[in-house]
Amino acid sequence: MKIAIITGASVGIGRATAARFLADNYQVYNLSRRECPEPGVSNLHCDLADPASIDACCDSLRAPLSDSASVTLIHNASQMRKDSADQCDSDSLRAVLETNVVAINSLNRRLLPGMPRGSSLLYVGSTLSEKAVPGSFSYVVSKHAQLGMMRATCQDLMGTGIHTALICPGFTDTEMLRTHIGDDAVVVDAISAMNSFNRLIEPAEIAELLHWAHHNPVINGAVLHANLGQRES
């Protein structure tokens, strides 16, 4: 049995990724507070800010993992807030890091021992894993942390037959982006003009890259930017 475990597969990139792996006959598990509407997905209610909720999901996955030939664990879920370095209070920063960083560590620790050779552990980062913009302090911090996690993961999993990579989407047409920038056509046009194709990325394009990344261990340890060629200022 081939298994794809995806956090935040209810919408956006996560949902598109679930659909892509379903099409390749994977058993797909969505770890999220909201269900994935794609038929065939197994939904495990998971609050990534709650360690007990994560543990319960991992317990539910123990049996499927024991019968798996290949597993991909895709850390897709993220929390994004509007904040800045001079105004972000510590409680708010902790909340973002709990979802975007600590939850990833919890899932890795519980699930990696059950993942066979030929599996993958994929992080969905961002262009902001290596850059920064104003007004997204906690998100930028967490995405930079994911870059470090991926690189450390690559080193620590040497010889296990499990590969890892950080996939860094540019501006992708998702619910999270629309919530962050507002439904303002002028703003959408402005950020679309920041790449060489003058459009937003479709979630399905990132899903296709994640599917490819799982099947190509030669990229182990790589940072893959998928931003349509971002214009440098």
Protein backbone atom coordinates (compact mmCIF):
# COMPACT_ATOMS: atom_id res chain seq x y z
CA MET A 1 0.00 0.00 0.00
CA LYS A 2 1.22 3.49 -0.91
CA ILE A 3 0.38 6.21 1.59
CA ALA A 4 0.37 10.01 1.45
CA ILE A 5 -0.04 11.86 4.74
CA ILE A 6 -0.74 15.55 4.18
CA THR A 7 -1.34 18.24 6.77
CA GLY A 8 -3.89 20.87 5.82
CA ALA A 9 -5.26 18.98 2.81
CA SER A 10 -8.71 20.53 3.13
CA VAL A 11 -8.02 23.50 0.82
CA GLY A 12 -5.48 25.02 -1.53
CA ILE A 13 -2.17 23.29 -2.17
CA GLY A 14 -3.02 20.55 0.31
CA ARG A 15 -6.28 19.64 -1.39
CA ALA A 16 -4.67 19.70 -4.84
CA THR A 17 -1.88 17.47 -3.55
CA ALA A 18 -4.38 15.03 -2.11
CA ALA A 19 -6.11 14.83 -5.49
CA ARG A 20 -2.80 14.25 -7.27
CA PHE A 21 -1.78 11.35 -5.04
CA LEU A 22 -5.29 9.86 -5.18
CA ALA A 23 -4.94 9.80 -8.96
CA ASP A 24 -1.80 7.70 -8.48
CA ASN A 25 -3.68 5.19 -6.30
CA TYR A 26 -2.30 6.34 -2.96
CA GLN A 27 -4.23 6.04 0.27
CA VAL A 28 -4.37 9.69 1.29
CA TYR A 29 -4.75 10.91 4.87
CA ASN A 30 -5.65 14.51 5.61
CA LEU A 31 -4.56 15.83 9.00
CA SER A 32 -6.58 18.98 9.52
CA ARG A 33 -9.39 20.56 11.51
CA ARG A 34 -11.44 20.67 8.30
CA GLU A 35 -12.24 17.72 6.06
CA CYS A 36 -10.84 17.39 2.57
CA PRO A 37 -13.75 17.26 0.10
CA GLU A 38 -11.89 15.00 -2.34
CA PRO A 39 -13.66 11.60 -2.51
CA GLY A 40 -11.45 8.82 -1.18
CA VAL A 41 -9.44 10.87 1.31
CA SER A 42 -9.34 9.60 4.89
CA ASN A 43 -9.82 12.59 7.17
CA LEU A 44 -8.18 12.57 10.59
CA HIS A 45 -9.30 15.54 12.66
CA CYS A 46 -6.12 17.20 13.85
CA ASP A 47 -5.44 20.47 15.61
CA LEU A 48 -1.76 21.02 14.92
CA ALA A 49 -1.54 23.39 17.87
CA ASP A 50 -2.59 20.61 20.25
CA PRO A 51 0.01 17.91 21.02
CA ALA A 52 -2.69 15.50 22.23
CA SER A 53 -4.53 15.83 18.92
CA ILE A 54 -1.33 15.10 17.01
CA ASP A 55 -0.65 12.04 19.15
CA ALA A 56 -4.16 10.72 18.51
CA CYS A 57 -3.70 11.05 14.75
CA CYS A 58 -0.34 9.31 14.89
CA ASP A 59 -1.90 6.46 16.86
CA SER A 60 -4.53 6.09 14.11
CA LEU A 61 -1.80 5.91 11.47
CA ARG A 62 0.22 3.19 13.18
CA ALA A 63 -1.63 0.28 11.56
CA PRO A 64 -1.66 1.68 7.98
CA LEU A 65 2.05 2.51 8.22
CA SER A 66 2.87 -1.03 9.28
CA ASP A 67 1.46 -2.28 5.97
CA SER A 68 2.93 0.41 3.72
CA ALA A 69 5.38 -0.02 0.86
CA SER A 70 5.98 3.70 0.41
CA VAL A 71 4.99 6.77 2.42
CA THR A 72 5.18 10.48 1.77
CA LEU A 73 4.71 12.80 4.73
CA ILE A 74 3.95 16.29 3.43
CA HIS A 75 4.08 19.19 5.86
CA ASN A 76 1.75 21.58 4.08
CA ALA A 77 -0.33 23.28 6.77
CA SER A 78 0.76 26.74 7.86
CA GLN A 79 -0.53 29.65 9.84
CA MET A 80 0.02 33.15 8.47
CA ARG A 81 -0.59 36.38 10.36
CA LYS A 82 -0.09 40.03 9.62
CA ASP A 83 2.56 41.21 12.07
CA SER A 84 5.92 42.94 12.26
CA ALA A 85 9.17 42.60 14.17
CA ASP A 86 8.40 45.62 16.35
CA GLN A 87 4.79 44.65 17.13
CA CYS A 88 4.59 40.84 17.24
CA ASP A 89 3.98 39.77 20.83
CA SER A 90 5.58 36.58 22.07
CA ASP A 91 2.31 34.69 22.53
CA SER A 92 1.41 35.32 18.90
CA LEU A 93 4.84 34.19 17.74
CA ARG A 94 4.60 31.03 19.85
CA ALA A 95 1.21 30.22 18.31
CA VAL A 96 2.57 30.46 14.78
CA LEU A 97 5.68 28.45 15.62
CA GLU A 98 3.55 25.78 17.31
CA THR A 99 1.70 25.10 14.06
CA ASN A 100 4.43 25.84 11.53
CA VAL A 101 7.43 24.31 13.30
CA VAL A 102 6.73 22.39 16.52
CA ALA A 103 3.88 20.33 15.03
CA ILE A 104 6.18 19.27 12.21
CA ASN A 105 8.72 18.02 14.72
CA SER A 106 6.01 16.11 16.61
CA LEU A 107 4.78 14.38 13.46
CA ASN A 108 8.30 13.54 12.32
CA ARG A 109 9.21 12.03 15.68
CA ARG A 110 6.11 9.83 15.77
CA LEU A 111 5.80 8.83 12.11
CA LEU A 112 9.35 8.49 10.78
CA PRO A 113 10.05 5.22 12.65
CA GLY A 114 7.20 3.58 10.72
CA MET A 115 8.18 4.87 7.28
CA PRO A 116 9.95 2.32 5.04
CA ARG A 117 12.86 2.86 2.67
CA GLY A 118 11.72 4.67 -0.45
CA SER A 119 9.59 7.10 1.52
CA SER A 120 9.86 10.89 1.55
CA LEU A 121 9.42 13.74 3.99
CA LEU A 122 8.50 16.93 2.16
CA TYR A 123 8.26 20.42 3.60
CA VAL A 124 6.10 23.04 1.90
CA GLY A 125 8.02 26.22 2.54
CA SER A 126 7.73 29.50 0.71
CA THR A 127 9.73 32.03 -1.23
CA LEU A 128 9.89 33.56 2.26
CA SER A 129 11.96 30.60 3.45
CA GLU A 130 14.94 32.51 2.05
CA LYS A 131 13.61 36.05 1.67
CA ALA A 132 11.53 38.45 3.73
CA VAL A 133 8.80 41.03 3.19
CA PRO A 134 7.37 43.55 5.63
CA GLY A 135 4.24 42.69 7.58
CA SER A 136 4.74 38.91 7.81
CA PHE A 137 7.25 38.61 10.64
CA SER A 138 6.12 35.38 12.34
CA TYR A 139 5.46 33.64 9.02
CA VAL A 140 8.91 34.55 7.68
CA VAL A 141 10.55 33.36 10.89
CA SER A 142 8.70 30.03 10.75
CA LYS A 143 9.44 29.46 7.07
CA HIS A 144 13.13 30.10 7.62
CA ALA A 145 12.95 27.57 10.46
CA GLN A 146 11.47 24.99 8.09
CA LEU A 147 14.49 25.42 5.82
CA GLY A 148 16.76 24.56 8.73
CA MET A 149 14.56 21.61 9.68
CA MET A 150 14.75 20.18 6.17
CA ARG A 151 18.52 20.50 6.01
CA ALA A 152 18.93 18.90 9.42
CA THR A 153 16.46 16.17 8.42
CA CYS A 154 18.57 15.36 5.37
CA GLN A 155 21.66 14.89 7.51
CA ASP A 156 19.95 12.91 10.25
CA LEU A 157 18.25 10.49 7.84
CA MET A 158 21.42 9.54 5.98
CA GLY A 159 21.33 5.86 5.11
CA THR A 160 17.63 5.35 5.90
CA GLY A 161 16.46 5.45 2.30
CA ILE A 162 14.10 8.32 3.14
CA HIS A 163 14.65 11.57 1.28
CA THR A 164 13.56 15.11 2.01
CA ALA A 165 13.22 18.47 0.28
CA LEU A 166 11.79 21.93 0.79
CA ILE A 167 9.30 23.01 -1.86
CA CYS A 168 8.99 26.80 -1.93
CA PRO A 169 5.92 28.10 -3.77
CA GLY A 170 5.69 31.69 -4.86
CA PHE A 171 2.38 33.56 -4.82
CA THR A 172 -0.18 30.77 -5.14
CA ASP A 173 -3.91 31.32 -5.55
CA THR A 174 -5.03 29.88 -2.22
CA GLU A 175 -7.45 30.75 0.52
CA MET A 176 -4.53 31.70 2.76
CA LEU A 177 -3.16 34.20 0.24
CA ARG A 178 -6.58 35.72 -0.44
CA THR A 179 -7.19 36.09 3.29
CA HIS A 180 -3.80 37.73 3.77
CA ILE A 181 -4.01 40.26 0.93
CA GLY A 182 -7.77 40.74 0.80
CA ASP A 183 -9.93 40.38 -2.30
CA ASP A 184 -8.43 43.44 -3.97
CA ALA A 185 -7.93 43.09 -7.72
CA VAL A 186 -5.28 45.82 -7.73
CA VAL A 187 -3.20 43.93 -5.15
CA VAL A 188 -3.67 40.63 -6.99
CA ASP A 189 -2.50 42.24 -10.23
CA ALA A 190 0.50 43.76 -8.46
CA ILE A 191 1.74 40.48 -7.01
CA SER A 192 0.99 38.64 -10.26
CA ALA A 193 3.30 41.09 -12.01
CA MET A 194 6.14 40.03 -9.71
CA ASN A 195 6.89 36.94 -11.83
CA SER A 196 7.75 36.48 -15.47
CA PHE A 197 4.38 34.93 -16.38
CA ASN A 198 2.26 37.69 -14.84
CA ARG A 199 -0.11 35.36 -13.00
CA LEU A 200 -0.67 33.56 -9.73
CA ILE A 201 0.51 29.97 -9.40
CA GLU A 202 -2.21 27.32 -9.38
CA PRO A 203 -2.29 24.90 -6.42
CA ALA A 204 -2.27 21.98 -8.86
CA GLU A 205 1.14 23.09 -10.15
CA ILE A 206 2.65 22.81 -6.68
CA ALA A 207 0.87 19.49 -6.17
CA GLU A 208 2.50 18.15 -9.33
CA LEU A 209 5.91 19.25 -8.05
CA LEU A 210 5.34 17.57 -4.68
CA HIS A 211 4.32 14.35 -6.44
CA TRP A 212 7.47 14.51 -8.56
CA ALA A 213 9.64 15.28 -5.52
CA HIS A 214 8.38 12.19 -3.73
CA HIS A 215 9.39 9.97 -6.64
CA ASN A 216 12.85 11.46 -7.19
CA PRO A 217 15.24 10.93 -4.26
CA VAL A 218 18.06 12.56 -6.24
CA ILE A 219 16.76 15.89 -4.86
CA ASN A 220 17.44 14.86 -1.26
CA GLY A 221 18.30 18.00 0.72
CA ALA A 222 17.29 20.37 -2.07
CA VAL A 223 15.41 23.65 -1.90
CA LEU A 224 13.06 23.82 -4.89
CA HIS A 225 11.66 27.26 -5.68
CA ALA A 226 8.43 27.20 -7.68
CA ASN A 227 7.65 30.85 -8.30
CA LEU A 228 7.43 31.27 -12.09
CA GLY A 229 10.66 33.26 -12.04
CA GLN A 230 10.27 35.93 -9.42
CA ARG A 231 11.28 39.46 -10.33
CA GLU A 232 14.16 40.71 -8.20
CA SER A 233 13.85 44.26 -6.92
